[in-house]
Amino acid sequence: MDINEIKRRMQSGELYDPNDAELMAEQTRRLARLRRFNKTSPYPKRRRARLLKKMFAAIGENCYIEPPVHMNWGGKH
């Protein structure tokens, strides 16, 4: 099944194969980014800000989130 169809089904609440290789690879990449964020030290702040921008669709100016953060799909949805 096409990855876009799997994602459409996932987001609409329909049945889909959660073990699809492409889907699992994407989730693994996102969870790795979340793990990197959770291991950051408070300084330098630039690294945290850069990772947050990749994890969220939008974040406000001077957004501050204290690790550890737990998110399904590493913040994708």
N, C-alpha and C. Protein backbone atom coordinates (compact mmCIF):
# COMPACT_ATOMS: atom_id res chain seq x y z
N MET A 1 0.85 -1.18 0.00
CA MET A 1 0.00 0.00 0.00
C MET A 1 0.89 1.24 0.00
N ASP A 2 0.47 2.25 -0.70
CA ASP A 2 1.19 3.52 -0.80
C ASP A 2 1.25 4.21 0.57
N ILE A 3 2.40 4.81 0.89
CA ILE A 3 2.59 5.47 2.19
C ILE A 3 1.57 6.58 2.42
N ASN A 4 1.21 7.30 1.36
CA ASN A 4 0.22 8.38 1.52
C ASN A 4 -1.15 7.82 1.87
N GLU A 5 -1.49 6.67 1.30
CA GLU A 5 -2.77 6.02 1.63
C GLU A 5 -2.75 5.53 3.07
N ILE A 6 -1.63 5.00 3.50
CA ILE A 6 -1.51 4.55 4.90
C ILE A 6 -1.69 5.73 5.85
N LYS A 7 -1.04 6.85 5.55
CA LYS A 7 -1.16 8.03 6.40
C LYS A 7 -2.59 8.58 6.39
N ARG A 8 -3.23 8.56 5.23
CA ARG A 8 -4.62 9.02 5.15
C ARG A 8 -5.50 8.16 6.05
N ARG A 9 -5.31 6.85 5.97
CA ARG A 9 -6.10 5.94 6.81
C ARG A 9 -5.81 6.16 8.29
N MET A 10 -4.55 6.33 8.61
CA MET A 10 -4.14 6.55 10.00
C MET A 10 -4.82 7.81 10.56
N GLN A 11 -4.79 8.89 9.79
CA GLN A 11 -5.34 10.16 10.26
C GLN A 11 -6.87 10.17 10.28
N SER A 12 -7.49 9.33 9.48
CA SER A 12 -8.96 9.31 9.45
C SER A 12 -9.55 8.25 10.38
N GLY A 13 -8.68 7.50 11.07
CA GLY A 13 -9.17 6.50 12.01
C GLY A 13 -9.50 5.17 11.36
N GLU A 14 -9.15 4.99 10.10
CA GLU A 14 -9.39 3.72 9.42
C GLU A 14 -8.27 2.74 9.76
N LEU A 15 -8.52 1.47 9.46
CA LEU A 15 -7.50 0.45 9.69
C LEU A 15 -6.33 0.64 8.73
N TYR A 16 -5.13 0.44 9.24
CA TYR A 16 -3.92 0.52 8.43
C TYR A 16 -2.88 -0.39 9.05
N ASP A 17 -1.83 -0.68 8.32
CA ASP A 17 -0.76 -1.54 8.81
C ASP A 17 0.30 -0.70 9.51
N PRO A 18 0.35 -0.72 10.84
CA PRO A 18 1.33 0.10 11.56
C PRO A 18 2.75 -0.42 11.41
N ASN A 19 2.92 -1.61 10.84
CA ASN A 19 4.25 -2.19 10.67
C ASN A 19 4.81 -1.99 9.27
N ASP A 20 4.16 -1.15 8.46
CA ASP A 20 4.67 -0.86 7.14
C ASP A 20 6.10 -0.32 7.27
N ALA A 21 7.01 -0.82 6.44
CA ALA A 21 8.42 -0.47 6.57
C ALA A 21 8.67 1.04 6.41
N GLU A 22 8.02 1.66 5.44
CA GLU A 22 8.20 3.10 5.22
C GLU A 22 7.66 3.92 6.39
N LEU A 23 6.51 3.51 6.89
CA LEU A 23 5.89 4.19 8.02
C LEU A 23 6.77 4.07 9.27
N MET A 24 7.28 2.87 9.51
CA MET A 24 8.15 2.64 10.67
C MET A 24 9.45 3.45 10.56
N ALA A 25 9.99 3.55 9.35
CA ALA A 25 11.23 4.32 9.16
C ALA A 25 11.00 5.79 9.48
N GLU A 26 9.86 6.34 9.03
CA GLU A 26 9.56 7.75 9.32
C GLU A 26 9.38 7.96 10.82
N GLN A 27 8.64 7.07 11.45
CA GLN A 27 8.42 7.21 12.89
C GLN A 27 9.75 7.11 13.64
N THR A 28 10.62 6.22 13.23
CA THR A 28 11.92 6.06 13.88
C THR A 28 12.75 7.33 13.76
N ARG A 29 12.74 7.97 12.59
CA ARG A 29 13.49 9.23 12.41
C ARG A 29 12.95 10.31 13.33
N ARG A 30 11.64 10.40 13.43
CA ARG A 30 11.03 11.44 14.28
C ARG A 30 11.29 11.18 15.76
N LEU A 31 11.23 9.92 16.16
CA LEU A 31 11.51 9.59 17.56
C LEU A 31 12.98 9.82 17.90
N ALA A 32 13.86 9.62 16.94
CA ALA A 32 15.29 9.90 17.16
C ALA A 32 15.50 11.40 17.40
N ARG A 33 14.79 12.23 16.64
CA ARG A 33 14.89 13.69 16.83
C ARG A 33 14.38 14.07 18.22
N LEU A 34 13.27 13.46 18.63
CA LEU A 34 12.73 13.73 19.97
C LEU A 34 13.72 13.31 21.04
N ARG A 35 14.37 12.18 20.85
CA ARG A 35 15.37 11.70 21.81
C ARG A 35 16.54 12.70 21.89
N ARG A 36 16.97 13.22 20.73
CA ARG A 36 18.05 14.23 20.74
C ARG A 36 17.63 15.46 21.53
N PHE A 37 16.38 15.91 21.32
CA PHE A 37 15.88 17.08 22.06
C PHE A 37 15.91 16.79 23.57
N ASN A 38 15.42 15.63 23.96
CA ASN A 38 15.34 15.30 25.38
C ASN A 38 16.70 15.19 26.05
N LYS A 39 17.74 14.98 25.27
CA LYS A 39 19.10 14.87 25.83
C LYS A 39 19.86 16.19 25.80
N THR A 40 19.24 17.26 25.30
CA THR A 40 19.94 18.53 25.23
C THR A 40 20.12 19.13 26.62
N SER A 41 21.19 19.89 26.76
CA SER A 41 21.41 20.64 27.99
C SER A 41 20.73 22.00 27.81
N PRO A 42 20.52 22.75 28.88
CA PRO A 42 19.84 24.04 28.76
C PRO A 42 20.54 25.03 27.84
N TYR A 43 21.85 24.89 27.66
CA TYR A 43 22.58 25.82 26.80
C TYR A 43 23.44 25.02 25.84
N PRO A 44 23.61 25.41 24.62
CA PRO A 44 23.05 26.61 24.01
C PRO A 44 21.59 26.42 23.61
N LYS A 45 20.83 27.44 23.73
CA LYS A 45 19.39 27.40 23.45
C LYS A 45 19.10 27.20 21.96
N ARG A 46 20.04 27.59 21.11
CA ARG A 46 19.82 27.49 19.65
C ARG A 46 19.52 26.06 19.21
N ARG A 47 20.21 25.10 19.80
CA ARG A 47 19.99 23.71 19.41
C ARG A 47 18.58 23.26 19.74
N ARG A 48 18.11 23.58 20.94
CA ARG A 48 16.73 23.23 21.30
C ARG A 48 15.74 23.91 20.38
N ALA A 49 15.94 25.18 20.10
CA ALA A 49 15.02 25.92 19.23
C ALA A 49 14.98 25.30 17.84
N ARG A 50 16.12 24.91 17.31
CA ARG A 50 16.19 24.30 15.98
C ARG A 50 15.42 22.98 15.96
N LEU A 51 15.59 22.16 16.98
CA LEU A 51 14.88 20.89 17.05
C LEU A 51 13.38 21.09 17.22
N LEU A 52 12.97 22.07 18.03
CA LEU A 52 11.54 22.34 18.22
C LEU A 52 10.89 22.74 16.90
N LYS A 53 11.58 23.55 16.11
CA LYS A 53 11.02 23.98 14.82
C LYS A 53 10.82 22.80 13.88
N LYS A 54 11.65 21.79 14.00
CA LYS A 54 11.49 20.59 13.17
C LYS A 54 10.38 19.69 13.69
N MET A 55 10.12 19.72 15.00
CA MET A 55 9.13 18.82 15.59
C MET A 55 7.71 19.36 15.51
N PHE A 56 7.55 20.68 15.50
CA PHE A 56 6.21 21.28 15.52
C PHE A 56 5.95 22.05 14.23
N ALA A 57 4.68 22.12 13.85
CA ALA A 57 4.31 22.87 12.65
C ALA A 57 4.63 24.35 12.84
N ALA A 58 4.44 24.87 14.04
CA ALA A 58 4.73 26.27 14.34
C ALA A 58 5.00 26.40 15.84
N ILE A 59 5.92 27.29 16.17
CA ILE A 59 6.16 27.61 17.58
C ILE A 59 6.31 29.12 17.68
N GLY A 60 5.95 29.65 18.81
CA GLY A 60 6.02 31.10 19.01
C GLY A 60 7.44 31.58 19.25
N GLU A 61 7.61 32.88 19.15
CA GLU A 61 8.90 33.50 19.42
C GLU A 61 9.30 33.23 20.87
N ASN A 62 10.55 32.83 21.09
CA ASN A 62 11.07 32.53 22.42
C ASN A 62 10.33 31.41 23.13
N CYS A 63 9.80 30.46 22.35
CA CYS A 63 9.11 29.30 22.92
C CYS A 63 10.09 28.51 23.79
N TYR A 64 9.63 28.07 24.95
CA TYR A 64 10.49 27.29 25.84
C TYR A 64 9.74 26.04 26.26
N ILE A 65 10.32 24.89 25.99
CA ILE A 65 9.76 23.61 26.42
C ILE A 65 10.87 22.87 27.15
N GLU A 66 10.58 22.45 28.34
CA GLU A 66 11.56 21.76 29.18
C GLU A 66 11.53 20.26 28.91
N PRO A 67 12.66 19.66 28.53
CA PRO A 67 12.70 18.21 28.37
C PRO A 67 12.63 17.51 29.72
N PRO A 68 12.15 16.31 29.80
CA PRO A 68 11.80 15.44 28.69
C PRO A 68 10.38 15.70 28.19
N VAL A 69 10.23 15.54 26.91
CA VAL A 69 8.95 15.66 26.24
C VAL A 69 8.60 14.29 25.70
N HIS A 70 7.34 13.92 25.80
CA HIS A 70 6.87 12.63 25.28
C HIS A 70 5.77 12.90 24.27
N MET A 71 5.99 12.46 23.03
CA MET A 71 5.01 12.69 21.97
C MET A 71 4.94 11.48 21.06
N ASN A 72 3.72 11.12 20.69
CA ASN A 72 3.54 10.10 19.68
C ASN A 72 4.08 10.62 18.36
N TRP A 73 4.82 9.83 17.66
CA TRP A 73 5.40 10.20 16.37
C TRP A 73 6.39 11.36 16.49
N GLY A 74 6.91 11.61 17.67
CA GLY A 74 7.93 12.65 17.81
C GLY A 74 7.45 14.03 17.45
N GLY A 75 6.15 14.29 17.61
CA GLY A 75 5.62 15.63 17.38
C GLY A 75 5.04 15.88 16.01
N LYS A 76 4.99 14.87 15.17
CA LYS A 76 4.50 15.07 13.80
C LYS A 76 3.05 15.53 13.78
N HIS A 77 2.20 14.94 14.58
CA HIS A 77 0.77 15.22 14.47
C HIS A 77 0.31 16.08 15.63
